[in-house]
Each structure stands twice: as C-alpha cells, then as structure tokens.
PDB file of N, CA and C in Angstrom:
ATOM      1  N   UNK A   1       3.056 -15.723  -7.350  1.00  0.00           N
ATOM      2  CA  UNK A   1       2.972 -15.866  -5.889  1.00  0.00           C
ATOM      3  C   UNK A   1       1.540 -15.974  -5.491  1.00  0.00           C
ATOM      4  N   UNK A   2       1.273 -16.876  -4.194  1.00  0.00           N
ATOM      5  CA  UNK A   2       0.230 -16.735  -3.825  1.00  0.00           C
ATOM      6  C   UNK A   2       0.379 -16.495  -2.393  1.00  0.00           C
ATOM      7  N   UNK A   3      -0.785 -16.225  -1.629  1.00  0.00           N
ATOM      8  CA  UNK A   3      -0.923 -15.550  -0.392  1.00  0.00           C
ATOM      9  C   UNK A   3      -0.493 -16.797   0.581  1.00  0.00           C
ATOM     10  N   UNK A   4      -0.607 -17.908   0.331  1.00  0.00           N
ATOM     11  CA  UNK A   4      -0.173 -19.056   1.260  1.00  0.00           C
ATOM     12  C   UNK A   4       1.331 -19.243   0.938  1.00  0.00           C
ATOM     13  N   UNK A   5       2.068 -18.574  -0.129  1.00  0.00           N
ATOM     14  CA  UNK A   5       3.490 -18.635  -0.142  1.00  0.00           C
ATOM     15  C   UNK A   5       4.158 -17.466   0.503  1.00  0.00           C
ATOM     16  N   UNK A   6       3.503 -16.602   1.352  1.00  0.00           N
ATOM     17  CA  UNK A   6       3.994 -15.404   1.872  1.00  0.00           C
ATOM     18  C   UNK A   6       4.426 -16.136   3.344  1.00  0.00           C
ATOM     19  N   UNK A   7       5.636 -15.698   3.574  1.00  0.00           N
ATOM     20  CA  UNK A   7       6.379 -16.178   4.998  1.00  0.00           C
ATOM     21  C   UNK A   7       6.275 -15.116   6.177  1.00  0.00           C
ATOM     22  N   UNK A   8       5.045 -15.023   6.991  1.00  0.00           N
ATOM     23  CA  UNK A   8       5.121 -14.192   7.996  1.00  0.00           C
ATOM     24  C   UNK A   8       5.689 -14.474   9.362  1.00  0.00           C
ATOM     25  N   UNK A   9       6.441 -13.453   9.744  1.00  0.00           N
ATOM     26  CA  UNK A   9       7.037 -13.444  11.099  1.00  0.00           C
ATOM     27  C   UNK A   9       6.702 -12.631  11.845  1.00  0.00           C
ATOM     28  N   UNK A  10       6.983 -12.884  13.386  1.00  0.00           N
ATOM     29  CA  UNK A  10       6.494 -12.170  14.627  1.00  0.00           C
ATOM     30  C   UNK A  10       7.625 -10.628  14.276  1.00  0.00           C
ATOM     31  N   UNK A  11       6.874  -9.782  14.540  1.00  0.00           N
ATOM     32  CA  UNK A  11       7.315  -8.408  14.445  1.00  0.00           C
ATOM     33  C   UNK A  11       7.550  -7.643  15.994  1.00  0.00           C
ATOM     34  N   UNK A  12       8.512  -6.824  16.047  1.00  0.00           N
ATOM     35  CA  UNK A  12       8.541  -6.183  17.114  1.00  0.00           C
ATOM     36  C   UNK A  12       7.294  -5.138  17.303  1.00  0.00           C
ATOM     37  N   UNK A  13       6.409  -5.018  16.717  1.00  0.00           N
ATOM     38  CA  UNK A  13       5.277  -4.189  16.695  1.00  0.00           C
ATOM     39  C   UNK A  13       4.229  -5.274  17.660  1.00  0.00           C
ATOM     40  N   UNK A  14       4.741  -6.438  17.684  1.00  0.00           N
ATOM     41  CA  UNK A  14       3.743  -7.485  18.595  1.00  0.00           C
ATOM     42  C   UNK A  14       2.681  -8.192  17.697  1.00  0.00           C
ATOM     43  N   UNK A  15       2.656  -7.915  16.305  1.00  0.00           N
ATOM     44  CA  UNK A  15       1.967  -8.668  15.472  1.00  0.00           C
ATOM     45  C   UNK A  15       2.733  -9.364  14.532  1.00  0.00           C
ATOM     46  N   UNK A  16       2.318  -9.672  13.373  1.00  0.00           N
ATOM     47  CA  UNK A  16       3.133 -10.492  12.322  1.00  0.00           C
ATOM     48  C   UNK A  16       3.261  -9.582  10.863  1.00  0.00           C
ATOM     49  N   UNK A  17       4.320 -10.062  10.296  1.00  0.00           N
ATOM     50  CA  UNK A  17       4.288  -9.451   8.939  1.00  0.00           C
ATOM     51  C   UNK A  17       5.135 -10.043   7.865  1.00  0.00           C
ATOM     52  N   UNK A  18       4.845  -9.784   6.719  1.00  0.00           N
ATOM     53  CA  UNK A  18       5.473 -10.247   5.465  1.00  0.00           C
ATOM     54  C   UNK A  18       6.153  -9.524   4.390  1.00  0.00           C
ATOM     55  N   UNK A  19       6.969  -9.608   3.497  1.00  0.00           N
ATOM     56  CA  UNK A  19       7.182  -8.875   2.668  1.00  0.00           C
ATOM     57  C   UNK A  19       7.459  -9.738   1.254  1.00  0.00           C
ATOM     58  N   UNK A  20       7.019  -9.300   0.070  1.00  0.00           N
ATOM     59  CA  UNK A  20       7.106  -9.772  -1.115  1.00  0.00           C
ATOM     60  C   UNK A  20       7.730  -8.703  -2.114  1.00  0.00           C
ATOM     61  N   UNK A  21       8.760  -9.307  -2.888  1.00  0.00           N
ATOM     62  CA  UNK A  21       9.541  -8.372  -3.751  1.00  0.00           C
ATOM     63  C   UNK A  21       9.347  -8.780  -5.075  1.00  0.00           C
ATOM     64  N   UNK A  22       9.022  -7.874  -5.990  1.00  0.00           N
ATOM     65  CA  UNK A  22       9.047  -8.011  -7.425  1.00  0.00           C
ATOM     66  C   UNK A  22       9.793  -6.972  -8.228  1.00  0.00           C
ATOM     67  N   UNK A  23      10.984  -7.268  -8.418  1.00  0.00           N
ATOM     68  CA  UNK A  23      12.019  -6.440  -9.126  1.00  0.00           C
ATOM     69  C   UNK A  23      12.158  -5.150  -8.200  1.00  0.00           C
ATOM     70  N   UNK A  24      11.500  -4.041  -8.863  1.00  0.00           N
ATOM     71  CA  UNK A  24      11.814  -2.732  -7.744  1.00  0.00           C
ATOM     72  C   UNK A  24      10.490  -2.522  -6.814  1.00  0.00           C
ATOM     73  N   UNK A  25       9.618  -3.281  -6.975  1.00  0.00           N
ATOM     74  CA  UNK A  25       8.271  -3.063  -6.140  1.00  0.00           C
ATOM     75  C   UNK A  25       8.285  -3.906  -4.813  1.00  0.00           C
ATOM     76  N   UNK A  26       8.250  -3.400  -3.514  1.00  0.00           N
ATOM     77  CA  UNK A  26       8.292  -4.275  -2.469  1.00  0.00           C
ATOM     78  C   UNK A  26       6.870  -4.077  -1.841  1.00  0.00           C
ATOM     79  N   UNK A  27       6.053  -5.122  -1.353  1.00  0.00           N
ATOM     80  CA  UNK A  27       4.893  -5.132  -0.772  1.00  0.00           C
ATOM     81  C   UNK A  27       5.072  -5.639   0.722  1.00  0.00           C
ATOM     82  N   UNK A  28       4.632  -4.730   1.562  1.00  0.00           N
ATOM     83  CA  UNK A  28       4.533  -4.978   3.179  1.00  0.00           C
ATOM     84  C   UNK A  28       2.990  -5.274   3.485  1.00  0.00           C
ATOM     85  N   UNK A  29       3.057  -6.521   3.940  1.00  0.00           N
ATOM     86  CA  UNK A  29       1.768  -6.835   4.805  1.00  0.00           C
ATOM     87  C   UNK A  29       1.933  -7.242   6.138  1.00  0.00           C
ATOM     88  N   UNK A  30       1.112  -6.546   6.919  1.00  0.00           N
ATOM     89  CA  UNK A  30       1.266  -6.466   8.280  1.00  0.00           C
ATOM     90  C   UNK A  30      -0.068  -6.341   8.969  1.00  0.00           C
ATOM     91  N   UNK A  31      -0.105  -7.095  10.542  1.00  0.00           N
ATOM     92  CA  UNK A  31      -1.180  -6.928  11.291  1.00  0.00           C
ATOM     93  C   UNK A  31      -0.872  -7.021  12.575  1.00  0.00           C
ATOM     94  N   UNK A  32      -1.452  -6.230  13.378  1.00  0.00           N
ATOM     95  CA  UNK A  32      -1.080  -5.999  14.864  1.00  0.00           C
ATOM     96  C   UNK A  32      -2.143  -4.988  15.337  1.00  0.00           C
ATOM     97  N   UNK A  33      -2.091  -4.777  16.732  1.00  0.00           N
ATOM     98  CA  UNK A  33      -3.073  -3.812  17.405  1.00  0.00           C
ATOM     99  C   UNK A  33      -2.920  -2.562  16.652  1.00  0.00           C
ATOM    100  N   UNK A  34      -1.722  -2.290  16.088  1.00  0.00           N
ATOM    101  CA  UNK A  34      -1.480  -0.888  15.599  1.00  0.00           C
ATOM    102  C   UNK A  34      -1.735  -0.692  14.100  1.00  0.00           C
ATOM    103  N   UNK A  35      -2.256  -1.864  13.426  1.00  0.00           N
ATOM    104  CA  UNK A  35      -2.401  -1.750  12.231  1.00  0.00           C
ATOM    105  C   UNK A  35      -3.990  -1.912  11.578  1.00  0.00           C
ATOM    106  N   UNK A  36      -4.302  -1.311  10.519  1.00  0.00           N
ATOM    107  CA  UNK A  36      -5.598  -1.336   9.960  1.00  0.00           C
ATOM    108  C   UNK A  36      -5.960  -2.831   9.627  1.00  0.00           C
ATOM    109  N   UNK A  37      -6.293  -3.960  10.414  1.00  0.00           N
ATOM    110  CA  UNK A  37      -6.488  -5.170  10.272  1.00  0.00           C
ATOM    111  C   UNK A  37      -7.382  -5.729  10.982  1.00  0.00           C
ATOM    112  N   UNK A  38      -7.912  -7.027  10.649  1.00  0.00           N
ATOM    113  CA  UNK A  38      -8.881  -7.540  11.474  1.00  0.00           C
ATOM    114  C   UNK A  38      -8.611  -8.769  11.875  1.00  0.00           C
ATOM    115  N   UNK A  39      -8.680  -9.329  13.048  1.00  0.00           N
ATOM    116  CA  UNK A  39      -8.828  -8.324  14.238  1.00  0.00           C
ATOM    117  C   UNK A  39      -7.554  -7.569  14.629  1.00  0.00           C
ATOM    118  N   UNK A  40      -7.822  -6.453  15.307  1.00  0.00           N
ATOM    119  CA  UNK A  40      -6.632  -5.551  15.780  1.00  0.00           C
ATOM    120  C   UNK A  40      -5.971  -5.809  16.935  1.00  0.00           C
ATOM    121  N   UNK A  41      -5.529  -6.823  16.627  1.00  0.00           N
ATOM    122  CA  UNK A  41      -4.545  -7.829  18.126  1.00  0.00           C
ATOM    123  C   UNK A  41      -3.396  -7.843  18.073  1.00  0.00           C
ATOM    124  N   UNK A  42      -2.657  -8.319  18.953  1.00  0.00           N
ATOM    125  CA  UNK A  42      -1.176  -8.795  19.036  1.00  0.00           C
ATOM    126  C   UNK A  42      -1.147 -10.285  19.327  1.00  0.00           C
ATOM    127  N   UNK A  43      -0.128 -10.926  18.943  1.00  0.00           N
ATOM    128  CA  UNK A  43       0.227 -12.042  19.604  1.00  0.00           C
ATOM    129  C   UNK A  43      -0.509 -13.105  18.714  1.00  0.00           C
ATOM    130  N   UNK A  44      -1.266 -12.952  17.698  1.00  0.00           N
ATOM    131  CA  UNK A  44      -1.784 -13.857  16.812  1.00  0.00           C
ATOM    132  C   UNK A  44      -1.062 -14.473  15.690  1.00  0.00           C
ATOM    133  N   UNK A  45      -1.095 -15.524  15.110  1.00  0.00           N
ATOM    134  CA  UNK A  45      -0.586 -15.767  13.843  1.00  0.00           C
ATOM    135  C   UNK A  45      -1.012 -15.666  12.564  1.00  0.00           C
ATOM    136  N   UNK A  46      -0.817 -15.487  11.630  1.00  0.00           N
ATOM    137  CA  UNK A  46      -1.212 -14.810  10.228  1.00  0.00           C
ATOM    138  C   UNK A  46      -2.635 -15.370   9.985  1.00  0.00           C
ATOM    139  N   UNK A  47      -2.752 -16.565  10.300  1.00  0.00           N
ATOM    140  CA  UNK A  47      -4.189 -17.435   9.874  1.00  0.00           C
ATOM    141  C   UNK A  47      -4.939 -17.148  10.649  1.00  0.00           C
ATOM    142  N   UNK A  48      -5.069 -16.145  11.707  1.00  0.00           N
ATOM    143  CA  UNK A  48      -6.069 -15.818  12.714  1.00  0.00           C
ATOM    144  C   UNK A  48      -6.511 -14.474  12.167  1.00  0.00           C
ATOM    145  N   UNK A  49      -5.756 -13.621  11.172  1.00  0.00           N
ATOM    146  CA  UNK A  49      -6.505 -12.538  10.735  1.00  0.00           C
ATOM    147  C   UNK A  49      -7.106 -12.525   9.657  1.00  0.00           C
ATOM    148  N   UNK A  50      -8.127 -11.871   9.224  1.00  0.00           N
ATOM    149  CA  UNK A  50      -9.138 -11.866   8.222  1.00  0.00           C
ATOM    150  C   UNK A  50      -8.677 -10.698   7.104  1.00  0.00           C
ATOM    151  N   UNK A  51      -8.298  -9.780   7.779  1.00  0.00           N
ATOM    152  CA  UNK A  51      -7.786  -8.616   6.758  1.00  0.00           C
ATOM    153  C   UNK A  51      -6.231  -8.046   7.249  1.00  0.00           C
ATOM    154  N   UNK A  52      -5.629  -7.304   6.384  1.00  0.00           N
ATOM    155  CA  UNK A  52      -4.192  -6.957   6.829  1.00  0.00           C
ATOM    156  C   UNK A  52      -4.089  -5.459   6.196  1.00  0.00           C
ATOM    157  N   UNK A  53      -3.158  -4.741   6.807  1.00  0.00           N
ATOM    158  CA  UNK A  53      -2.683  -3.666   6.202  1.00  0.00           C
ATOM    159  C   UNK A  53      -1.452  -3.602   5.238  1.00  0.00           C
ATOM    160  N   UNK A  54      -1.611  -3.311   4.198  1.00  0.00           N
ATOM    161  CA  UNK A  54      -0.756  -3.434   2.984  1.00  0.00           C
ATOM    162  C   UNK A  54      -0.179  -2.125   2.510  1.00  0.00           C
ATOM    163  N   UNK A  55       1.134  -2.066   2.173  1.00  0.00           N
ATOM    164  CA  UNK A  55       1.745  -0.925   1.952  1.00  0.00           C
ATOM    165  C   UNK A  55       2.772  -1.426   0.555  1.00  0.00           C
ATOM    166  N   UNK A  56       2.921  -0.499  -0.457  1.00  0.00           N
ATOM    167  CA  UNK A  56       3.681  -0.964  -1.543  1.00  0.00           C
ATOM    168  C   UNK A  56       4.510   0.447  -1.742  1.00  0.00           C
ATOM    169  N   UNK A  57       5.721  -0.179  -2.192  1.00  0.00           N
ATOM    170  CA  UNK A  57       6.820   0.878  -2.385  1.00  0.00           C
ATOM    171  C   UNK A  57       7.601   0.410  -3.670  1.00  0.00           C
ATOM    172  N   UNK A  58       8.074   1.678  -4.402  1.00  0.00           N
ATOM    173  CA  UNK A  58       9.080   1.308  -5.360  1.00  0.00           C
ATOM    174  C   UNK A  58      10.309   1.790  -4.986  1.00  0.00           C
ATOM    175  N   UNK A  59      11.463   1.951  -5.647  1.00  0.00           N
ATOM    176  CA  UNK A  59      12.589   2.422  -5.369  1.00  0.00           C
ATOM    177  C   UNK A  59      12.608   3.869  -4.508  1.00  0.00           C
ATOM    178  N   UNK A  60      11.680   4.859  -4.767  1.00  0.00           N
ATOM    179  CA  UNK A  60      11.464   5.919  -4.407  1.00  0.00           C
ATOM    180  C   UNK A  60      10.456   6.244  -3.513  1.00  0.00           C
ATOM    181  N   UNK A  61       9.169   6.069  -3.707  1.00  0.00           N
ATOM    182  CA  UNK A  61       8.137   6.436  -3.061  1.00  0.00           C
ATOM    183  C   UNK A  61       7.073   5.358  -2.775  1.00  0.00           C
ATOM    184  N   UNK A  62       6.177   5.715  -2.033  1.00  0.00           N
ATOM    185  CA  UNK A  62       4.782   4.878  -1.823  1.00  0.00           C
ATOM    186  C   UNK A  62       3.966   4.723  -3.403  1.00  0.00           C
ATOM    187  N   UNK A  63       3.485   3.510  -3.299  1.00  0.00           N
ATOM    188  CA  UNK A  63       2.844   3.231  -4.849  1.00  0.00           C
ATOM    189  C   UNK A  63       1.354   2.577  -4.666  1.00  0.00           C
ATOM    190  N   UNK A  64       1.204   2.493  -3.397  1.00  0.00           N
ATOM    191  CA  UNK A  64      -0.048   1.449  -2.827  1.00  0.00           C
ATOM    192  C   UNK A  64      -1.250   2.000  -3.781  1.00  0.00           C
ATOM    193  N   UNK A  65      -1.373   3.093  -3.957  1.00  0.00           N
ATOM    194  CA  UNK A  65      -2.659   3.582  -4.843  1.00  0.00           C
ATOM    195  C   UNK A  65      -2.775   3.390  -6.238  1.00  0.00           C
ATOM    196  N   UNK A  66      -1.535   3.078  -6.664  1.00  0.00           N
ATOM    197  CA  UNK A  66      -1.503   2.768  -8.093  1.00  0.00           C
ATOM    198  C   UNK A  66      -1.897   1.280  -8.268  1.00  0.00           C
ATOM    199  N   UNK A  67      -1.837   0.409  -7.321  1.00  0.00           N
ATOM    200  CA  UNK A  67      -2.093  -0.989  -7.103  1.00  0.00           C
ATOM    201  C   UNK A  67      -3.195  -1.566  -6.465  1.00  0.00           C
ATOM    202  N   UNK A  68      -4.062  -0.760  -5.530  1.00  0.00           N
ATOM    203  CA  UNK A  68      -5.041  -1.118  -4.783  1.00  0.00           C
ATOM    204  C   UNK A  68      -6.139   0.102  -4.841  1.00  0.00           C
ATOM    205  N   UNK A  69      -7.359  -0.183  -5.369  1.00  0.00           N
ATOM    206  CA  UNK A  69      -8.360   0.926  -5.684  1.00  0.00           C
ATOM    207  C   UNK A  69      -8.657   1.288  -4.024  1.00  0.00           C
ATOM    208  N   UNK A  70      -8.855   2.830  -4.173  1.00  0.00           N
ATOM    209  CA  UNK A  70      -9.209   3.520  -3.100  1.00  0.00           C
ATOM    210  C   UNK A  70      -8.214   3.459  -1.785  1.00  0.00           C
ATOM    211  N   UNK A  71      -6.822   3.152  -2.149  1.00  0.00           N
ATOM    212  CA  UNK A  71      -5.800   3.092  -1.105  1.00  0.00           C
ATOM    213  C   UNK A  71      -5.043   4.459  -1.233  1.00  0.00           C
ATOM    214  N   UNK A  72      -4.414   4.787  -0.204  1.00  0.00           N
ATOM    215  CA  UNK A  72      -3.523   6.034  -0.048  1.00  0.00           C
ATOM    216  C   UNK A  72      -2.224   5.527   0.007  1.00  0.00           C
ATOM    217  N   UNK A  73      -1.479   5.902   0.947  1.00  0.00           N
ATOM    218  CA  UNK A  73      -0.119   5.284   1.262  1.00  0.00           C
ATOM    219  C   UNK A  73      -0.097   3.755   1.550  1.00  0.00           C
ATOM    220  N   UNK A  74      -1.091   3.598   2.558  1.00  0.00           N
ATOM    221  CA  UNK A  74      -1.325   2.106   2.777  1.00  0.00           C
ATOM    222  C   UNK A  74      -2.996   1.687   2.406  1.00  0.00           C
ATOM    223  N   UNK A  75      -3.076   0.594   2.337  1.00  0.00           N
ATOM    224  CA  UNK A  75      -4.588  -0.123   2.192  1.00  0.00           C
ATOM    225  C   UNK A  75      -4.874  -0.903   3.464  1.00  0.00           C
ATOM    226  N   UNK A  76      -5.773   0.014   4.094  1.00  0.00           N
ATOM    227  CA  UNK A  76      -6.113  -0.864   5.399  1.00  0.00           C
ATOM    228  C   UNK A  76      -7.455  -1.825   5.119  1.00  0.00           C
ATOM    229  N   UNK A  77      -7.298  -2.861   6.011  1.00  0.00           N
ATOM    230  CA  UNK A  77      -8.594  -3.962   6.327  1.00  0.00           C
ATOM    231  C   UNK A  77      -8.614  -4.489   4.673  1.00  0.00           C
ATOM    232  N   UNK A  78      -7.282  -5.058   4.063  1.00  0.00           N
ATOM    233  CA  UNK A  78      -7.404  -5.430   2.802  1.00  0.00           C
ATOM    234  C   UNK A  78      -7.366  -6.965   2.880  1.00  0.00           C
ATOM    235  N   UNK A  79      -8.453  -7.549   2.460  1.00  0.00           N
ATOM    236  CA  UNK A  79      -8.776  -9.166   2.548  1.00  0.00           C
ATOM    237  C   UNK A  79      -7.778  -9.919   1.868  1.00  0.00           C
ATOM    238  N   UNK A  80      -7.567 -11.260   2.190  1.00  0.00           N
ATOM    239  CA  UNK A  80      -6.740 -11.941   1.804  1.00  0.00           C
ATOM    240  C   UNK A  80      -6.946 -12.271   0.217  1.00  0.00           C
ATOM    241  N   UNK A  81      -8.259 -12.019  -0.223  1.00  0.00           N
ATOM    242  CA  UNK A  81      -8.392 -12.183  -1.710  1.00  0.00           C
ATOM    243  C   UNK A  81      -8.090 -11.266  -2.437  1.00  0.00           C
ATOM    244  N   UNK A  82      -8.076 -10.146  -1.852  1.00  0.00           N
ATOM    245  CA  UNK A  82      -7.316  -8.992  -2.558  1.00  0.00           C
ATOM    246  C   UNK A  82      -6.033  -8.938  -2.525  1.00  0.00           C
ATOM    247  N   UNK A  83      -5.232  -9.358  -1.654  1.00  0.00           N
ATOM    248  CA  UNK A  83      -3.762  -9.370  -1.530  1.00  0.00           C
ATOM    249  C   UNK A  83      -3.297 -10.767  -2.453  1.00  0.00           C
ATOM    250  N   UNK A  84      -4.211 -12.001  -2.478  1.00  0.00           N
ATOM    251  CA  UNK A  84      -3.965 -12.973  -3.541  1.00  0.00           C
ATOM    252  C   UNK A  84      -4.033 -12.162  -4.772  1.00  0.00           C
ATOM    253  N   UNK A  85      -4.892 -11.599  -5.318  1.00  0.00           N
ATOM    254  CA  UNK A  85      -5.030 -10.954  -6.859  1.00  0.00           C
ATOM    255  C   UNK A  85      -3.744 -10.074  -6.809  1.00  0.00           C
ATOM    256  N   UNK A  86      -3.397  -9.094  -5.867  1.00  0.00           N
ATOM    257  CA  UNK A  86      -2.403  -8.317  -5.903  1.00  0.00           C
ATOM    258  C   UNK A  86      -1.305  -9.230  -6.242  1.00  0.00           C
ATOM    259  N   UNK A  87      -0.887 -10.160  -5.458  1.00  0.00           N
ATOM    260  CA  UNK A  87       0.330 -10.721  -5.628  1.00  0.00           C
ATOM    261  C   UNK A  87       0.412 -11.532  -6.915  1.00  0.00           C
ATOM    262  N   UNK A  88      -0.728 -11.990  -7.654  1.00  0.00           N
ATOM    263  CA  UNK A  88      -0.767 -12.634  -8.944  1.00  0.00           C
ATOM    264  C   UNK A  88      -0.536 -11.753 -10.057  1.00  0.00           C
ATOM    265  N   UNK A  89      -1.241 -10.241  -9.864  1.00  0.00           N
ATOM    266  CA  UNK A  89      -0.872  -9.446 -10.623  1.00  0.00           C
ATOM    267  C   UNK A  89       0.562  -8.832 -10.965  1.00  0.00           C
ATOM    268  N   UNK A  90       1.343  -8.712  -9.668  1.00  0.00           N
ATOM    269  CA  UNK A  90       2.626  -8.414  -9.477  1.00  0.00           C
ATOM    270  C   UNK A  90       3.662  -9.600 -10.233  1.00  0.00           C
ATOM    271  N   UNK A  91       3.240 -10.637  -9.830  1.00  0.00           N
ATOM    272  CA  UNK A  91       4.152 -11.773 -10.438  1.00  0.00           C
ATOM    273  C   UNK A  91       3.984 -11.834 -11.860  1.00  0.00           C
ATOM    274  N   UNK A  92       2.838 -11.415 -12.456  1.00  0.00           N
ATOM    275  CA  UNK A  92       2.848 -11.454 -13.788  1.00  0.00           C
ATOM    276  C   UNK A  92       3.227 -10.348 -14.590  1.00  0.00           C
ATOM    277  N   UNK A  93       3.303  -9.059 -13.980  1.00  0.00           N
ATOM    278  CA  UNK A  93       3.883  -7.723 -14.706  1.00  0.00           C
ATOM    279  C   UNK A  93       5.345  -7.389 -14.103  1.00  0.00           C
ATOM    280  N   UNK A  94       5.795  -7.919 -13.008  1.00  0.00           N
ATOM    281  CA  UNK A  94       7.054  -7.496 -12.771  1.00  0.00           C
ATOM    282  C   UNK A  94       7.824  -8.724 -12.363  1.00  0.00           C
TER     283      UNK A  94
END
C-alpha cells in the first residue's frame, strides 16, 4: 500500500482521516486543528497537509512505538514519506 492509496474522509473533528488495516494491525492517520500535524487547521483536504498524526493499534493496545521510532501512543508531525515507508513495511510483513 502507498500513501496515495489511502482514502481520506472528512471527520467530525473538522479535519480529515484515513485508516489502513493489515490483519490485526490498524493504522489511523489524522489531521486537524486538534491533531499533531502541519498545518494544524480544519477544513483542508489531505493534499494540503505536510505531516499527520499517526496511531497504530493491534487487537488489544496501542503499538505505535513498535513501528515508528521516538513515538509514544501516537506519532505527531509524521511526514508523508515516513507514512509511506510504514505502509510499505506493514504491507510486506502483515
């Protein structure tokens, strides 16, 4: 899967979001005025953001830190390039 394959939808929080699933792993990619993204604004489409907030879950817990270096439960200001590599890695292993 590539970043361009993600389907971003308008979210109730005012921004946009997409979810990618890989067996038991779910990746949430969000951007809005309330997320760690750039710019931190609502009402934009996904092409207008240069970075996103990413959270990764398995069936039981947050696992973001297992997949993105220096992340906690979420990874803030995550570049499209990092998301692209994450999606490729998950596609190849899950």
